[in-house]
Amino acid sequence: MERRKEWYDHPEYYEAIFGTDTVREADFLQALSQRYGTGGKQWLEPACGAGRLVEEAARRGLRVAGYDLSEAMLAHARKRLTPAERRRVKLSRARMEDFFDPALEGRVDLAHTLVSTFRYLDSEKATVEHLVGTRRLLKPDGIYVLGFHLTDYARSAPEHERWVGQVGPDKVVCNTHEGLPEKRLRRSPMRNRLRVTGPDKDWLIETTWYFRTYDEAQVKRLFRKAGLRVAATFTFDYDLEAPVGRGSNRLDRVFVLQPDASATP
């Protein structure tokens, strides 16, 4: 068995696990844009990864700006686009807390980050910078659709998720572990193991990191600080007719955020 690090260097295997809901996610995003936003054609995807949603949005005739820190992911995203799609897409390398394109200021109809990538931002400063920067790019009635899991600080056991995918002849098994939250430090230890097996191949790709933690009160304070208001909240079921009710114990959240007109520009 060959051991490797950094799963983001292997976008084809990463996507075999996390790229299965692309059409459903794009349908949901378009429906949210129609109901809560402008319904317009300029989208932005922070941390766009291997570009599955960039490609799907471009295929639907939308204009897309996307950025990511991983060159391997961006290369994969560019490669998958047709010449016609490339004319509607602009991809950049940037960190979530740093990205700002003056050409997009006040012009974005919908921004979205759905798969907990937001929790990689490891400080209050970084999260506020990202949210404020994204807010400045939105139209006054644009929306930022932000999905991630809230934290139960009373949790007493680690969490484990397992997925299985296929890339050609290669089988991909993904095991993700989230350790106990460290409330004072506002973080949870994470470990991901991708086992890839196929003809003449047996890889173990192991990556460890920390996710920032949020309970409901913490995230609402953060949004207010960044000049954003919550227009609606859903779960990862992506059901437009099933918003999260008050007092829900579901921790998977998709927040529909809008610029607060009273916030400082």
Protein backbone atom coordinates (compact mmCIF):
# COMPACT_ATOMS: atom_id res chain seq x y z
CA MET A 1 0.00 0.00 0.00
CA GLU A 2 1.30 3.44 -1.00
CA ARG A 3 0.63 6.25 1.44
CA ARG A 4 -0.11 9.75 0.15
CA LYS A 5 -1.18 13.05 1.70
CA GLU A 6 -3.56 15.85 0.74
CA TRP A 7 -6.76 14.60 -0.88
CA TYR A 8 -7.16 17.88 -2.79
CA ASP A 9 -4.23 16.80 -4.99
CA HIS A 10 -6.48 14.05 -6.36
CA PRO A 11 -9.61 15.82 -7.64
CA GLU A 12 -10.96 12.83 -9.57
CA TYR A 13 -11.15 10.73 -6.39
CA TYR A 14 -12.39 13.58 -4.24
CA GLU A 15 -15.21 14.17 -6.71
CA ALA A 16 -16.16 10.48 -6.84
CA ILE A 17 -17.25 10.92 -3.23
CA PHE A 18 -18.56 14.48 -3.05
CA GLY A 19 -19.73 15.10 -6.62
CA THR A 20 -22.87 12.97 -6.70
CA ASP A 21 -25.49 15.69 -6.01
CA THR A 22 -24.42 18.26 -8.61
CA VAL A 23 -27.66 18.53 -10.59
CA ARG A 24 -29.82 18.56 -7.46
CA GLU A 25 -27.64 21.25 -5.88
CA ALA A 26 -27.75 23.43 -9.00
CA ASP A 27 -31.54 23.05 -9.20
CA PHE A 28 -31.80 24.09 -5.55
CA LEU A 29 -29.53 27.11 -6.03
CA GLN A 30 -31.51 28.34 -9.02
CA ALA A 31 -34.76 27.93 -7.10
CA LEU A 32 -33.34 29.90 -4.14
CA SER A 33 -32.19 32.65 -6.49
CA GLN A 34 -35.67 32.93 -7.94
CA ARG A 35 -37.40 32.94 -4.54
CA TYR A 36 -35.04 35.03 -2.42
CA GLY A 37 -32.71 36.80 -4.85
CA THR A 38 -32.62 38.28 -8.32
CA GLY A 39 -32.83 35.13 -10.43
CA GLY A 40 -29.92 36.64 -12.38
CA LYS A 41 -27.13 35.01 -14.34
CA GLN A 42 -23.92 36.07 -12.54
CA TRP A 43 -22.82 33.45 -10.01
CA LEU A 44 -19.77 33.25 -7.76
CA GLU A 45 -18.39 30.09 -6.18
CA PRO A 46 -15.81 30.52 -3.41
CA ALA A 47 -13.67 27.39 -2.97
CA CYS A 48 -14.99 25.95 -6.23
CA GLY A 49 -12.77 22.86 -6.01
CA ALA A 50 -12.78 20.56 -9.03
CA GLY A 51 -15.43 22.68 -10.73
CA ARG A 52 -18.44 20.37 -10.84
CA LEU A 53 -20.91 23.16 -9.98
CA VAL A 54 -18.99 25.67 -12.11
CA GLU A 55 -19.42 23.34 -15.09
CA GLU A 56 -23.10 22.70 -14.34
CA ALA A 57 -23.88 26.40 -13.99
CA ALA A 58 -22.03 27.24 -17.21
CA ARG A 59 -23.88 24.43 -18.99
CA ARG A 60 -27.12 26.14 -17.93
CA GLY A 61 -26.02 29.38 -19.57
CA LEU A 62 -24.94 31.19 -16.38
CA ARG A 63 -21.82 33.32 -16.01
CA VAL A 64 -19.58 31.98 -13.26
CA ALA A 65 -16.62 33.33 -11.31
CA GLY A 66 -14.90 30.73 -9.17
CA TYR A 67 -11.77 30.57 -7.08
CA ASP A 68 -9.85 28.02 -5.07
CA LEU A 69 -6.50 27.69 -3.32
CA SER A 70 -5.63 24.32 -4.91
CA GLU A 71 -3.93 24.48 -8.30
CA ALA A 72 -4.72 20.79 -8.86
CA MET A 73 -8.42 21.44 -8.35
CA LEU A 74 -8.41 24.50 -10.61
CA ALA A 75 -6.59 22.61 -13.37
CA HIS A 76 -9.22 19.87 -13.18
CA ALA A 77 -12.00 22.48 -13.26
CA ARG A 78 -10.56 24.17 -16.38
CA LYS A 79 -10.04 20.87 -18.18
CA ARG A 80 -13.67 19.81 -17.85
CA LEU A 81 -15.11 22.93 -19.51
CA THR A 82 -16.03 23.07 -23.19
CA PRO A 83 -14.84 26.09 -25.24
CA ALA A 84 -18.34 27.60 -25.04
CA GLU A 85 -18.44 27.12 -21.27
CA ARG A 86 -14.98 28.68 -20.84
CA ARG A 87 -16.31 31.92 -22.32
CA ARG A 88 -18.79 32.14 -19.43
CA VAL A 89 -16.32 31.17 -16.67
CA LYS A 90 -13.49 32.99 -14.92
CA LEU A 91 -11.39 30.91 -12.51
CA SER A 92 -8.77 32.32 -10.11
CA ARG A 93 -6.43 31.11 -7.40
CA ALA A 94 -7.20 32.78 -4.08
CA ARG A 95 -7.91 32.24 -0.42
CA MET A 96 -11.48 32.66 0.80
CA GLU A 97 -10.58 35.54 3.09
CA ASP A 98 -8.61 37.40 0.38
CA PHE A 99 -10.65 37.16 -2.80
CA PHE A 100 -12.04 40.40 -4.18
CA ASP A 101 -12.56 41.20 -7.86
CA PRO A 102 -13.41 44.89 -8.45
CA ALA A 103 -15.05 43.96 -11.75
CA LEU A 104 -17.63 41.93 -9.79
CA GLU A 105 -18.37 44.51 -7.08
CA GLY A 106 -22.12 44.84 -6.70
CA ARG A 107 -22.75 42.56 -9.69
CA VAL A 108 -23.12 39.03 -8.27
CA ASP A 109 -26.64 37.58 -8.22
CA LEU A 110 -25.79 34.42 -6.26
CA ALA A 111 -22.72 33.19 -4.41
CA HIS A 112 -22.61 29.71 -2.94
CA THR A 113 -20.46 27.41 -0.83
CA LEU A 114 -22.33 24.26 0.15
CA VAL A 115 -20.08 21.54 1.58
CA SER A 116 -18.73 22.93 4.89
CA THR A 117 -15.70 24.55 3.23
CA PHE A 118 -16.50 27.69 5.21
CA ARG A 119 -15.30 25.90 8.35
CA TYR A 120 -11.72 25.86 7.02
CA LEU A 121 -11.54 29.56 7.87
CA ASP A 122 -9.82 29.27 11.23
CA SER A 123 -10.35 32.63 12.93
CA GLU A 124 -12.97 35.31 13.50
CA LYS A 125 -10.89 37.72 11.44
CA ALA A 126 -10.73 35.38 8.44
CA THR A 127 -14.44 34.57 8.54
CA VAL A 128 -15.46 38.21 8.73
CA GLU A 129 -13.09 39.17 5.91
CA HIS A 130 -14.55 36.44 3.71
CA LEU A 131 -18.17 37.31 4.46
CA VAL A 132 -17.67 41.07 4.08
CA GLY A 133 -15.73 40.59 0.84
CA THR A 134 -18.45 38.35 -0.56
CA ARG A 135 -21.18 40.76 0.58
CA ARG A 136 -19.49 43.60 -1.33
CA LEU A 137 -19.64 41.57 -4.53
CA LEU A 138 -23.37 40.85 -4.22
CA LYS A 139 -26.08 42.97 -5.75
CA PRO A 140 -28.21 44.67 -3.06
CA ASP A 141 -30.80 41.90 -3.50
CA GLY A 142 -28.32 39.13 -4.28
CA ILE A 143 -27.85 36.12 -1.99
CA TYR A 144 -25.02 34.05 -0.54
CA VAL A 145 -26.01 30.41 -0.01
CA LEU A 146 -23.71 29.02 2.68
CA GLY A 147 -23.91 25.40 3.83
CA PHE A 148 -22.09 23.79 6.77
CA HIS A 149 -22.69 21.82 9.97
CA LEU A 150 -23.23 23.53 13.29
CA THR A 151 -21.49 22.11 16.35
CA ASP A 152 -23.02 20.37 19.34
CA TYR A 153 -20.54 21.29 22.08
CA ALA A 154 -22.11 18.70 24.37
CA ARG A 155 -21.23 15.87 22.00
CA SER A 156 -19.35 13.15 23.90
CA ALA A 157 -18.29 10.82 21.07
CA PRO A 158 -16.40 11.32 17.79
CA GLU A 159 -18.40 11.28 14.55
CA HIS A 160 -17.71 9.07 11.54
CA GLU A 161 -19.02 9.10 7.97
CA ARG A 162 -18.26 6.61 5.20
CA TRP A 163 -18.84 6.86 1.44
CA VAL A 164 -17.97 4.60 -1.49
CA GLY A 165 -17.39 5.73 -5.09
CA GLN A 166 -15.93 4.52 -8.38
CA VAL A 167 -13.54 6.10 -10.90
CA GLY A 168 -13.20 3.81 -13.90
CA PRO A 169 -11.72 0.57 -12.56
CA ASP A 170 -10.72 2.18 -9.25
CA LYS A 171 -12.83 1.80 -6.11
CA VAL A 172 -12.76 4.75 -3.71
CA VAL A 173 -13.68 4.38 -0.03
CA CYS A 174 -13.78 7.56 2.05
CA ASN A 175 -13.83 7.62 5.86
CA THR A 176 -14.09 10.99 7.60
CA HIS A 177 -13.74 11.36 11.37
CA GLU A 178 -14.54 14.48 13.38
CA GLY A 179 -13.18 14.45 16.92
CA LEU A 180 -14.64 16.12 19.98
CA PRO A 181 -15.09 19.89 19.68
CA GLU A 182 -12.70 22.08 21.63
CA LYS A 183 -15.09 24.82 22.73
CA ARG A 184 -12.51 27.27 24.07
CA LEU A 185 -10.41 27.05 20.91
CA ARG A 186 -13.48 26.92 18.64
CA ARG A 187 -12.24 23.93 16.63
CA SER A 188 -12.75 20.22 15.95
CA PRO A 189 -9.96 17.85 14.82
CA MET A 190 -10.65 16.24 11.43
CA ARG A 191 -9.16 13.22 9.67
CA ASN A 192 -10.01 11.97 6.19
CA ARG A 193 -8.81 8.69 4.69
CA LEU A 194 -9.33 7.89 1.01
CA ARG A 195 -8.52 4.29 0.12
CA VAL A 196 -8.14 3.87 -3.65
CA THR A 197 -7.79 0.34 -5.02
CA GLY A 198 -7.68 -0.87 -8.61
CA PRO A 199 -5.45 -2.61 -11.14
CA ASP A 200 -1.88 -2.10 -9.91
CA LYS A 201 -3.05 0.54 -7.43
CA ASP A 202 -3.47 0.56 -3.67
CA TRP A 203 -3.34 4.05 -2.20
CA LEU A 204 -4.14 5.44 1.22
CA ILE A 205 -4.54 9.22 1.06
CA GLU A 206 -4.75 10.62 4.59
CA THR A 207 -5.37 14.28 5.41
CA THR A 208 -5.76 15.90 8.83
CA TRP A 209 -6.87 19.42 9.74
CA TYR A 210 -9.08 21.43 12.12
CA PHE A 211 -12.55 22.76 11.35
CA ARG A 212 -13.78 25.91 13.09
CA THR A 213 -16.85 25.34 15.23
CA TYR A 214 -20.14 27.25 15.47
CA ASP A 215 -23.31 26.86 17.43
CA GLU A 216 -26.43 28.71 16.29
CA ALA A 217 -25.86 31.77 18.47
CA GLN A 218 -22.23 32.10 17.36
CA VAL A 219 -23.04 31.95 13.67
CA LYS A 220 -25.89 34.45 13.94
CA ARG A 221 -23.59 36.93 15.71
CA LEU A 222 -21.01 36.40 12.98
CA PHE A 223 -23.49 37.09 10.17
CA ARG A 224 -24.65 40.31 11.85
CA LYS A 225 -21.05 41.43 12.32
CA ALA A 226 -20.41 40.89 8.59
CA GLY A 227 -23.47 42.87 7.54
CA LEU A 228 -25.57 39.91 6.43
CA ARG A 229 -29.05 38.84 7.42
CA VAL A 230 -30.53 35.34 7.25
CA ALA A 231 -33.43 35.26 4.77
CA ALA A 232 -34.09 31.52 5.19
CA THR A 233 -32.44 28.34 6.44
CA PHE A 234 -32.61 24.83 4.97
CA THR A 235 -30.84 21.49 5.47
CA PHE A 236 -28.68 19.38 3.19
CA ASP A 237 -31.90 17.73 1.99
CA TYR A 238 -32.10 20.72 -0.42
CA ASP A 239 -35.88 20.84 -0.11
CA LEU A 240 -37.20 24.31 -0.89
CA GLU A 241 -40.51 23.52 0.77
CA ALA A 242 -38.93 22.38 4.06
CA PRO A 243 -37.14 25.32 5.70
CA VAL A 244 -35.60 24.75 9.12
CA GLY A 245 -38.05 25.62 11.87
CA ARG A 246 -37.32 27.40 15.12
CA GLY A 247 -35.75 25.06 17.69
CA SER A 248 -34.76 22.41 15.13
CA ASN A 249 -32.10 19.95 16.33
CA ARG A 250 -30.72 19.45 12.82
CA LEU A 251 -27.08 20.56 12.67
CA ASP A 252 -26.73 20.55 8.87
CA ARG A 253 -27.67 24.04 7.73
CA VAL A 254 -27.88 25.90 4.45
CA PHE A 255 -28.17 29.61 5.19
CA VAL A 256 -29.59 32.00 2.59
CA LEU A 257 -27.85 35.27 3.37
CA GLN A 258 -28.68 38.72 2.03
CA PRO A 259 -26.84 42.04 2.43
CA ASP A 260 -28.19 44.06 5.33
CA ALA A 261 -29.03 47.48 3.90
CA SER A 262 -28.18 49.10 7.25
CA ALA A 263 -24.64 47.63 7.32
CA THR A 264 -21.56 49.76 6.69
CA PRO A 265 -20.42 49.34 3.04
